[in-house]
Amino acid sequence: MLQINEVKQRLSQGETQFGYLQTMPVPGITEILGHAGYDFVMLDGEHSPLLPAAMENLSRAAEVSGICPLVRVPGSHSRDICRLLDAGAAGIILPNVRSAAEVEEAIHAARYLPEGNRGLSMPRQAGYGAMPMPEFVEYANKNLLFTVQIETLEALADIDEIVAIDGVDVALLGPLDMSAALGVLGQFDHPDMVEARQRIVAACNKNGVAAGTFALGPGQVSPLMDQGFRFILLGADLMFLRQAASADLAAARREIG
């Protein structure tokens, strides 16, 4: 059944929320993140092979372990958004945003009438019809967490217009893509990147939207929070696995000389 979106509520109250990026279709990973105390998990439908069927099981695992399942969709097409919400996503993360019009279209696809044009069905969030449809529609619209990913020059140029759109809850800076777009790939402390972060946070603060980004290494969380970011991803499953595996192997080789 539909659950209250506590991440959305906490963000609206000015709290900071921490998440993790998941790319592998393993419900156990989702459960581990939930039991570890993370607030949300970003299930990646953009850069991974995760499909709606997998998203449904991962959303179930998120619900039972107390973590909020947010899905990064492959695009703004209404079909993609509707299917992933029906599968159990508590929120949508829209990548590669380039215009306010694109964001408005995606929000309409994610909301039911009268606030949008999402097609009606009897999804698992409504108990496959057990929850009365008028009640479900009201709660679904109210609890949807909608995030726009700011990682293009077009989105940065229109950041004020984008975050002013009704329904946008979070503006998530994609630092790697943004640094590439600015011509300073991987130079996250470059003045142009500093300015980009400042513009995003200022626009978010003006419009009551949470600013988000990725922490790119140890010691990054406090500086990001000082800058005004409150929706922070701390890592990704594949990166964590590679780093942990490499560290263990290096330690074993040092041990045997």
Protein backbone atom coordinates (compact mmCIF):
# COMPACT_ATOMS: atom_id res chain seq x y z
CA MET A 1 0.00 0.00 0.00
CA LEU A 2 1.03 3.60 -0.50
CA GLN A 3 3.39 4.87 2.20
CA ILE A 4 3.91 8.42 3.39
CA ASN A 5 7.01 9.82 1.68
CA GLU A 6 9.09 10.74 4.73
CA VAL A 7 12.03 11.94 2.62
CA LYS A 8 9.79 14.51 0.95
CA GLN A 9 8.46 15.61 4.33
CA ARG A 10 11.91 15.91 5.90
CA LEU A 11 13.29 17.89 2.97
CA SER A 12 10.35 20.29 3.22
CA GLN A 13 11.29 20.80 6.88
CA GLY A 14 14.90 21.69 5.97
CA GLU A 15 16.48 18.40 7.01
CA THR A 16 19.37 16.74 5.15
CA GLN A 17 18.75 13.34 3.55
CA PHE A 18 21.41 10.81 2.54
CA GLY A 19 21.15 8.28 -0.26
CA TYR A 20 23.02 5.70 -2.32
CA LEU A 21 23.01 4.84 -6.01
CA GLN A 22 22.05 1.26 -6.88
CA THR A 23 22.66 -0.23 -10.31
CA MET A 24 22.52 -3.98 -9.62
CA PRO A 25 19.15 -5.82 -9.60
CA VAL A 26 19.75 -7.37 -6.18
CA PRO A 27 17.03 -6.76 -3.55
CA GLY A 28 19.52 -7.67 -0.82
CA ILE A 29 21.56 -4.58 -1.66
CA THR A 30 18.47 -2.41 -1.24
CA GLU A 31 17.69 -4.06 2.09
CA ILE A 32 21.26 -3.60 3.32
CA LEU A 33 21.11 0.11 2.50
CA GLY A 34 17.80 0.40 4.31
CA HIS A 35 19.01 -1.42 7.40
CA ALA A 36 22.19 0.67 7.35
CA GLY A 37 19.99 3.72 7.85
CA TYR A 38 20.12 5.46 4.48
CA ASP A 39 17.14 7.70 3.80
CA PHE A 40 16.74 6.93 0.10
CA VAL A 41 18.11 4.77 -2.68
CA MET A 42 18.41 5.94 -6.29
CA LEU A 43 17.53 2.97 -8.49
CA ASP A 44 19.29 3.74 -11.73
CA GLY A 45 17.24 3.25 -14.89
CA GLU A 46 19.53 5.50 -16.94
CA HIS A 47 23.02 3.96 -16.77
CA SER A 48 22.18 0.40 -15.74
CA PRO A 49 20.22 -2.56 -17.16
CA LEU A 50 17.53 -2.27 -14.46
CA LEU A 51 14.06 -2.83 -15.96
CA PRO A 52 10.57 -2.19 -14.49
CA ALA A 53 10.25 -5.81 -13.33
CA ALA A 54 13.45 -5.46 -11.31
CA MET A 55 12.38 -2.05 -10.03
CA GLU A 56 9.23 -3.62 -8.59
CA ASN A 57 11.20 -6.12 -6.50
CA LEU A 58 13.73 -3.49 -5.46
CA SER A 59 10.89 -1.20 -4.38
CA ARG A 60 9.46 -4.02 -2.28
CA ALA A 61 12.85 -4.53 -0.63
CA ALA A 62 13.04 -0.79 0.04
CA GLU A 63 9.64 -0.70 1.65
CA VAL A 64 10.33 -3.57 4.05
CA SER A 65 13.72 -2.15 5.08
CA GLY A 66 12.53 1.42 5.58
CA ILE A 67 14.32 3.20 2.74
CA CYS A 68 12.66 5.44 0.14
CA PRO A 69 12.94 4.06 -3.44
CA LEU A 70 13.55 6.77 -6.03
CA VAL A 71 13.99 5.83 -9.68
CA ARG A 72 16.20 7.65 -12.16
CA VAL A 73 14.20 7.19 -15.34
CA PRO A 74 15.72 6.59 -18.79
CA GLY A 75 13.98 9.67 -20.19
CA SER A 76 11.02 11.99 -19.93
CA HIS A 77 8.61 9.84 -21.96
CA SER A 78 5.33 9.42 -20.10
CA ARG A 79 5.37 5.65 -20.69
CA ASP A 80 8.67 5.22 -18.85
CA ILE A 81 7.61 7.40 -15.93
CA CYS A 82 4.20 5.79 -15.52
CA ARG A 83 5.52 2.23 -15.61
CA LEU A 84 8.17 2.89 -12.99
CA LEU A 85 5.77 4.64 -10.65
CA ASP A 86 3.29 1.80 -11.07
CA ALA A 87 6.10 -0.61 -10.16
CA GLY A 88 6.51 1.10 -6.80
CA ALA A 89 8.81 4.11 -7.11
CA ALA A 90 8.17 6.75 -4.45
CA GLY A 91 9.72 9.39 -6.63
CA ILE A 92 11.21 10.19 -10.02
CA ILE A 93 14.68 11.52 -10.82
CA LEU A 94 14.74 13.08 -14.29
CA PRO A 95 18.26 13.06 -15.79
CA ASN A 96 19.83 15.18 -18.51
CA VAL A 97 17.32 18.01 -18.16
CA ARG A 98 17.61 20.68 -20.85
CA SER A 99 14.51 22.85 -20.54
CA ALA A 100 11.69 23.89 -18.25
CA ALA A 101 9.19 22.60 -20.80
CA GLU A 102 10.70 19.11 -20.56
CA VAL A 103 10.38 19.19 -16.78
CA GLU A 104 6.76 20.31 -16.91
CA GLU A 105 5.94 17.50 -19.33
CA ALA A 106 7.56 14.91 -17.05
CA ILE A 107 5.78 16.20 -13.94
CA HIS A 108 2.45 16.01 -15.74
CA ALA A 109 3.27 12.41 -16.69
CA ALA A 110 4.00 11.61 -13.04
CA ARG A 111 0.86 13.16 -11.56
CA TYR A 112 -2.75 12.12 -11.85
CA LEU A 113 -5.58 14.44 -12.84
CA PRO A 114 -6.29 17.22 -12.09
CA GLU A 115 -2.56 17.98 -11.53
CA GLY A 116 -1.22 15.89 -14.42
CA ASN A 117 -2.07 13.29 -17.04
CA ARG A 118 -0.74 10.02 -15.58
CA GLY A 119 -2.82 7.11 -16.77
CA LEU A 120 -5.06 5.47 -14.17
CA SER A 121 -4.56 1.82 -13.26
CA MET A 122 -4.58 -0.39 -10.18
CA PRO A 123 -0.85 -0.52 -9.33
CA ARG A 124 0.72 -2.27 -6.38
CA GLN A 125 0.94 1.04 -4.49
CA ALA A 126 -2.85 1.06 -4.39
CA GLY A 127 -3.00 -2.55 -3.30
CA TYR A 128 -3.97 -3.61 -6.82
CA GLY A 129 -7.34 -1.95 -6.33
CA ALA A 130 -7.75 -2.47 -2.57
CA MET A 131 -7.32 1.26 -1.95
CA PRO A 132 -10.22 3.37 -3.29
CA MET A 133 -9.04 5.12 -6.44
CA PRO A 134 -9.93 8.71 -5.35
CA GLU A 135 -7.98 8.18 -2.12
CA PHE A 136 -5.02 6.68 -3.98
CA VAL A 137 -4.88 9.51 -6.53
CA GLU A 138 -4.81 12.13 -3.79
CA TYR A 139 -2.06 10.39 -1.81
CA ALA A 140 0.00 9.53 -4.90
CA ASN A 141 0.10 13.16 -6.03
CA LYS A 142 0.82 14.40 -2.52
CA ASN A 143 3.66 11.95 -1.82
CA LEU A 144 5.47 12.03 -5.16
CA LEU A 145 9.07 13.27 -4.81
CA PHE A 146 10.21 14.79 -8.10
CA THR A 147 13.89 15.49 -8.71
CA VAL A 148 15.49 17.20 -11.71
CA GLN A 149 19.11 16.43 -12.46
CA ILE A 150 21.07 19.54 -13.41
CA GLU A 151 23.98 18.42 -15.57
CA THR A 152 23.73 20.39 -18.83
CA LEU A 153 24.58 23.98 -19.76
CA GLU A 154 20.96 24.48 -20.85
CA ALA A 155 19.63 23.44 -17.44
CA LEU A 156 22.17 25.61 -15.64
CA ALA A 157 21.21 28.61 -17.76
CA ASP A 158 17.50 28.07 -16.99
CA ILE A 159 17.94 26.95 -13.38
CA ASP A 160 15.72 29.69 -11.94
CA GLU A 161 12.85 28.84 -14.27
CA ILE A 162 13.24 25.09 -13.75
CA VAL A 163 13.19 25.07 -9.95
CA ALA A 164 10.23 27.47 -9.93
CA ILE A 165 8.03 24.84 -11.59
CA ASP A 166 5.27 23.53 -9.37
CA GLY A 167 6.10 19.97 -8.38
CA VAL A 168 9.91 20.17 -8.39
CA ASP A 169 11.18 19.07 -4.97
CA VAL A 170 14.92 18.61 -5.58
CA ALA A 171 17.50 19.94 -8.05
CA LEU A 172 20.32 17.39 -8.17
CA LEU A 173 23.66 18.55 -9.55
CA GLY A 174 25.38 15.88 -11.63
CA PRO A 175 28.99 16.96 -11.02
CA LEU A 176 30.70 14.71 -13.55
CA ASP A 177 28.47 15.63 -16.49
CA MET A 178 28.37 19.26 -15.48
CA SER A 179 32.15 19.47 -15.28
CA ALA A 180 32.32 17.94 -18.77
CA ALA A 181 29.74 20.41 -20.08
CA LEU A 182 31.76 23.29 -18.64
CA GLY A 183 34.94 21.98 -20.28
CA VAL A 184 36.63 21.15 -16.97
CA LEU A 185 36.01 17.40 -16.76
CA GLY A 186 36.73 16.05 -13.28
CA GLN A 187 37.92 19.42 -11.95
CA PHE A 188 35.25 19.72 -9.28
CA ASP A 189 36.94 22.64 -7.50
CA HIS A 190 37.34 24.66 -10.69
CA PRO A 191 35.88 28.19 -10.38
CA ASP A 192 33.26 27.38 -13.02
CA MET A 193 32.07 24.40 -10.98
CA VAL A 194 32.05 26.48 -7.81
CA GLU A 195 29.91 29.06 -9.58
CA ALA A 196 27.56 26.36 -10.90
CA ARG A 197 27.02 24.99 -7.39
CA GLN A 198 26.37 28.47 -6.06
CA ARG A 199 23.82 29.23 -8.81
CA ILE A 200 21.94 25.99 -8.18
CA VAL A 201 21.80 26.44 -4.41
CA ALA A 202 20.73 30.09 -4.71
CA ALA A 203 17.91 29.20 -7.11
CA CYS A 204 16.78 26.34 -4.86
CA ASN A 205 16.77 28.51 -1.75
CA LYS A 206 14.75 31.18 -3.53
CA ASN A 207 12.07 28.68 -4.54
CA GLY A 208 11.91 26.37 -1.51
CA VAL A 209 13.53 23.46 -3.38
CA ALA A 210 16.19 21.17 -1.91
CA ALA A 211 19.62 21.28 -3.57
CA GLY A 212 21.27 17.92 -4.08
CA THR A 213 24.52 16.46 -5.36
CA PHE A 214 26.97 13.58 -5.03
CA ALA A 215 29.69 13.50 -2.37
CA LEU A 216 32.78 12.58 -4.36
CA GLY A 217 35.07 11.43 -1.56
CA PRO A 218 35.80 11.43 2.18
CA GLY A 219 35.37 14.75 3.92
CA GLN A 220 32.98 16.12 1.30
CA VAL A 221 29.72 16.02 3.24
CA SER A 222 30.29 18.92 5.65
CA PRO A 223 31.51 21.30 2.91
CA LEU A 224 28.53 20.41 0.74
CA MET A 225 26.12 21.01 3.59
CA ASP A 226 27.85 24.31 4.36
CA GLN A 227 27.22 25.29 0.74
CA GLY A 228 23.52 24.50 1.13
CA PHE A 229 23.13 20.96 -0.24
CA ARG A 230 20.60 18.82 1.65
CA PHE A 231 20.01 15.83 -0.66
CA ILE A 232 23.32 14.00 -0.82
CA LEU A 233 24.32 10.72 -2.44
CA LEU A 234 27.27 9.09 -0.69
CA GLY A 235 28.26 6.42 -3.20
CA ALA A 236 27.26 3.70 -5.64
CA ASP A 237 27.09 -0.07 -5.32
CA LEU A 238 29.54 -0.90 -8.13
CA MET A 239 32.06 1.70 -6.98
CA PHE A 240 31.83 0.47 -3.39
CA LEU A 241 32.32 -3.14 -4.48
CA ARG A 242 35.33 -2.27 -6.63
CA GLN A 243 36.95 -0.14 -3.93
CA ALA A 244 36.37 -2.71 -1.19
CA ALA A 245 37.59 -5.58 -3.36
CA SER A 246 40.71 -3.65 -4.41
CA ALA A 247 41.49 -2.66 -0.84
CA ASP A 248 41.17 -6.23 0.45
CA LEU A 249 43.36 -7.60 -2.34
CA ALA A 250 46.01 -4.93 -1.80
CA ALA A 251 46.02 -5.69 1.94
CA ALA A 252 46.43 -9.42 1.27
CA ARG A 253 49.35 -8.81 -1.07
CA ARG A 254 51.03 -6.50 1.44
CA GLU A 255 50.58 -9.18 4.10
CA ILE A 256 52.44 -11.82 2.13
CA GLY A 257 55.15 -9.39 1.10
